[in-house]
N, C-alpha and C. Protein backbone atom coordinates (compact mmCIF):
# COMPACT_ATOMS: atom_id res chain seq x y z
N MET A 1 -26.69 20.35 0.37
CA MET A 1 -26.06 19.39 -0.36
C MET A 1 -25.06 20.25 -1.25
N LYS A 2 -25.31 21.35 -1.73
CA LYS A 2 -24.37 22.16 -2.54
C LYS A 2 -23.23 22.65 -1.64
N ALA A 3 -23.41 22.90 -0.50
CA ALA A 3 -22.34 23.42 0.24
C ALA A 3 -21.34 22.18 0.35
N LEU A 4 -21.78 21.06 0.84
CA LEU A 4 -21.04 19.95 1.04
C LEU A 4 -20.38 19.53 -0.31
N ASN A 5 -20.84 19.55 -1.51
CA ASN A 5 -20.24 19.42 -2.73
C ASN A 5 -19.06 20.39 -2.81
N TRP A 6 -19.32 21.72 -2.62
CA TRP A 6 -18.23 22.76 -2.68
C TRP A 6 -17.12 22.50 -1.74
N ILE A 7 -17.35 22.14 -0.52
CA ILE A 7 -16.37 21.89 0.42
C ILE A 7 -15.45 20.57 -0.06
N GLY A 8 -16.21 19.55 -0.39
CA GLY A 8 -15.42 18.34 -0.87
C GLY A 8 -14.57 18.48 -2.01
N LEU A 9 -15.24 19.36 -3.03
CA LEU A 9 -14.49 19.72 -4.25
C LEU A 9 -13.30 20.59 -3.99
N THR A 10 -13.28 21.42 -3.16
CA THR A 10 -12.13 22.36 -2.63
C THR A 10 -11.06 21.51 -2.02
N ILE A 11 -11.54 20.54 -1.04
CA ILE A 11 -10.42 19.83 -0.48
C ILE A 11 -9.79 18.88 -1.42
N VAL A 12 -10.55 18.23 -2.43
CA VAL A 12 -9.98 17.47 -3.57
C VAL A 12 -8.96 18.39 -4.31
N ILE A 13 -9.25 19.50 -4.52
CA ILE A 13 -8.36 20.40 -5.43
C ILE A 13 -7.24 20.75 -4.60
N LEU A 14 -7.39 20.99 -3.41
CA LEU A 14 -6.20 21.41 -2.56
C LEU A 14 -5.29 20.21 -2.39
N GLY A 15 -5.73 19.03 -2.27
CA GLY A 15 -5.00 17.79 -2.15
C GLY A 15 -4.42 17.54 -3.56
N ALA A 16 -4.95 17.70 -4.58
CA ALA A 16 -4.32 17.60 -5.94
C ALA A 16 -3.17 18.63 -6.30
N LEU A 17 -3.46 19.73 -5.72
CA LEU A 17 -2.31 20.83 -5.73
C LEU A 17 -1.03 20.22 -5.07
N ASN A 18 -1.45 19.86 -3.89
CA ASN A 18 -0.30 19.32 -2.96
C ASN A 18 0.43 18.04 -3.57
N TRP A 19 -0.22 17.04 -4.17
CA TRP A 19 0.31 15.95 -4.91
C TRP A 19 1.15 16.44 -6.06
N GLY A 20 0.64 17.48 -6.80
CA GLY A 20 1.32 18.09 -7.92
C GLY A 20 2.74 18.66 -7.51
N LEU A 21 2.68 19.39 -6.42
CA LEU A 21 3.97 19.94 -5.86
C LEU A 21 5.01 18.86 -5.50
N ILE A 22 4.44 17.66 -4.95
CA ILE A 22 5.22 16.50 -4.58
C ILE A 22 5.82 15.83 -5.83
N GLY A 23 4.92 15.71 -6.80
CA GLY A 23 5.47 15.16 -7.95
C GLY A 23 6.34 15.89 -8.78
N PHE A 24 6.17 17.13 -8.80
CA PHE A 24 7.01 17.99 -9.83
C PHE A 24 8.32 18.61 -9.15
N PHE A 25 8.11 18.90 -7.76
CA PHE A 25 9.26 19.56 -7.22
C PHE A 25 9.59 18.77 -5.81
N GLY A 26 8.79 17.75 -5.33
CA GLY A 26 9.37 17.04 -4.29
C GLY A 26 9.01 17.76 -3.03
N PHE A 27 8.18 18.64 -3.01
CA PHE A 27 7.79 19.61 -1.86
C PHE A 27 6.47 19.38 -1.43
N ASP A 28 6.38 18.97 -0.19
CA ASP A 28 4.94 18.58 0.28
C ASP A 28 4.63 19.70 1.31
N VAL A 29 3.48 20.58 0.96
CA VAL A 29 3.15 21.71 1.67
C VAL A 29 2.54 21.32 3.10
N ILE A 30 1.80 20.23 3.14
CA ILE A 30 1.25 19.96 4.30
C ILE A 30 2.05 19.51 5.37
N THR A 31 3.06 18.53 5.05
CA THR A 31 4.11 18.16 6.15
C THR A 31 5.03 19.24 6.39
N THR A 32 5.30 20.14 5.54
CA THR A 32 6.18 21.31 5.82
C THR A 32 5.44 22.31 6.88
N ILE A 33 4.25 22.39 6.59
CA ILE A 33 3.45 23.22 7.76
C ILE A 33 3.25 22.57 8.98
N PHE A 34 2.98 21.33 8.95
CA PHE A 34 2.66 20.53 10.30
C PHE A 34 3.52 19.42 10.47
N HIS A 35 4.86 19.60 10.82
CA HIS A 35 5.85 18.75 11.15
C HIS A 35 6.06 18.64 12.56
N GLY A 36 6.83 17.95 12.94
CA GLY A 36 7.04 17.60 14.41
C GLY A 36 5.98 17.09 15.16
N SER A 37 5.70 17.76 16.27
CA SER A 37 4.75 17.31 17.18
C SER A 37 3.23 17.66 16.41
N TYR A 38 3.30 18.27 15.47
CA TYR A 38 1.92 18.66 14.88
C TYR A 38 1.74 17.72 13.57
N PHE A 39 2.43 16.76 13.43
CA PHE A 39 2.25 15.79 12.31
C PHE A 39 0.97 15.14 12.29
N TRP A 40 0.24 15.06 13.38
CA TRP A 40 -0.88 14.29 13.41
C TRP A 40 -1.99 15.13 12.68
N ILE A 41 -1.84 16.56 12.50
CA ILE A 41 -2.83 17.42 11.91
C ILE A 41 -2.60 17.10 10.41
N ALA A 42 -1.35 16.80 9.98
CA ALA A 42 -1.01 16.51 8.47
C ALA A 42 -1.76 15.21 8.25
N ARG A 43 -1.79 14.22 9.12
CA ARG A 43 -2.41 12.89 8.80
C ARG A 43 -4.04 13.09 8.82
N VAL A 44 -4.51 14.01 9.64
CA VAL A 44 -5.95 14.26 9.59
C VAL A 44 -6.28 14.97 8.14
N ILE A 45 -5.45 15.80 7.69
CA ILE A 45 -5.73 16.53 6.42
C ILE A 45 -5.59 15.56 5.32
N PHE A 46 -4.75 14.62 5.45
CA PHE A 46 -4.56 13.59 4.32
C PHE A 46 -5.71 12.64 4.38
N ALA A 47 -6.26 12.41 5.55
CA ALA A 47 -7.44 11.48 5.63
C ALA A 47 -8.73 12.25 4.95
N LEU A 48 -8.74 13.49 5.48
CA LEU A 48 -9.87 14.33 4.90
C LEU A 48 -9.88 14.33 3.30
N VAL A 49 -8.61 14.49 2.72
CA VAL A 49 -8.46 14.63 1.27
C VAL A 49 -8.96 13.19 0.65
N GLY A 50 -8.56 12.19 1.28
CA GLY A 50 -9.14 10.91 0.88
C GLY A 50 -10.48 10.65 0.96
N VAL A 51 -11.11 11.07 2.11
CA VAL A 51 -12.54 10.96 2.22
C VAL A 51 -13.29 11.96 1.19
N ALA A 52 -12.67 13.02 0.97
CA ALA A 52 -13.31 14.12 0.00
C ALA A 52 -13.11 13.44 -1.39
N GLY A 53 -12.01 12.72 -1.73
CA GLY A 53 -11.94 12.03 -3.01
C GLY A 53 -12.95 11.04 -3.26
N LEU A 54 -13.15 10.23 -2.27
CA LEU A 54 -14.27 9.24 -2.21
C LEU A 54 -15.58 9.74 -2.44
N TYR A 55 -15.97 10.96 -1.86
CA TYR A 55 -17.10 11.64 -1.94
C TYR A 55 -17.20 12.12 -3.34
N ALA A 56 -16.04 12.54 -3.96
CA ALA A 56 -16.16 13.27 -5.29
C ALA A 56 -16.38 12.26 -6.37
N LEU A 57 -16.32 10.89 -6.05
CA LEU A 57 -16.78 9.92 -6.99
C LEU A 57 -18.23 9.92 -7.12
N THR A 58 -19.04 10.30 -6.30
CA THR A 58 -20.40 10.43 -6.35
C THR A 58 -20.76 11.55 -7.51
N PHE A 59 -19.96 12.41 -7.77
CA PHE A 59 -20.20 13.39 -8.74
C PHE A 59 -20.48 12.95 -10.15
N TYR A 60 -19.87 11.81 -10.35
CA TYR A 60 -20.04 11.06 -11.67
C TYR A 60 -21.40 10.69 -11.92
N GLY A 61 -22.07 10.16 -10.76
CA GLY A 61 -23.52 9.78 -10.83
C GLY A 61 -24.37 11.07 -11.23
N ASN A 62 -24.09 12.16 -10.63
CA ASN A 62 -24.65 13.42 -10.81
C ASN A 62 -24.66 13.75 -12.29
N PHE A 63 -23.54 13.56 -12.76
CA PHE A 63 -23.40 14.14 -14.34
C PHE A 63 -24.14 13.24 -15.28
N PHE A 64 -24.20 11.82 -14.98
CA PHE A 64 -24.94 10.96 -15.84
C PHE A 64 -26.40 11.18 -15.58
N GLU A 65 -26.90 11.33 -14.62
CA GLU A 65 -28.29 11.58 -14.31
C GLU A 65 -28.68 13.02 -14.92
N THR A 66 -27.93 13.87 -14.96
CA THR A 66 -28.26 15.26 -15.49
C THR A 66 -28.26 15.02 -17.06
N ASP A 67 -27.34 14.21 -17.68
CA ASP A 67 -27.29 14.13 -19.10
C ASP A 67 -28.56 13.36 -19.57
N GLU A 68 -28.83 12.24 -18.69
CA GLU A 68 -30.01 11.46 -19.15
C GLU A 68 -31.31 12.38 -19.04
N LEU A 69 -31.49 13.12 -17.90
CA LEU A 69 -32.65 13.94 -17.81
C LEU A 69 -32.69 14.98 -18.96
N ASN A 70 -31.66 15.72 -19.33
CA ASN A 70 -31.60 16.51 -20.32
C ASN A 70 -32.10 15.94 -21.72
N TYR A 71 -31.55 14.65 -21.96
CA TYR A 71 -31.79 13.95 -23.19
C TYR A 71 -33.24 13.59 -23.24
N ALA A 72 -33.78 13.03 -22.05
CA ALA A 72 -35.12 12.76 -22.02
C ALA A 72 -36.10 14.02 -22.41
N ARG A 73 -35.74 15.16 -21.73
CA ARG A 73 -36.45 16.40 -22.07
C ARG A 73 -36.51 16.81 -23.29
N TYR A 74 -35.21 16.78 -23.95
CA TYR A 74 -35.08 17.18 -25.44
C TYR A 74 -35.74 16.32 -26.38
N SER A 75 -35.71 15.05 -26.11
CA SER A 75 -36.45 13.87 -26.89
C SER A 75 -37.96 14.19 -26.91
N ARG A 76 -38.56 14.46 -25.84
CA ARG A 76 -40.02 14.59 -25.81
C ARG A 76 -40.44 15.98 -26.44
N ARG A 77 -39.68 17.02 -26.64
CA ARG A 77 -39.98 18.25 -27.22
C ARG A 77 -39.88 18.10 -28.83
N HIS A 78 -39.04 17.27 -29.19
CA HIS A 78 -38.61 17.32 -30.65
C HIS A 78 -39.09 15.92 -31.23
């Protein structure tokens, strides 16, 4: 599971960097690399970034569960 989290987060970060370049400089790295007849690869990459973003939403649940568990453990000790 940790490997899937790492892969998902890496894809989200790369997608965010690409969107940052588009927003600040109007430069899209993915379509620059995969243009012409290879544009379908760019579409697959964009789809993977979207799926990874949806998967990253599940990280919020992990953060809240961890905080609640830590609070419960701390409360029992003190």
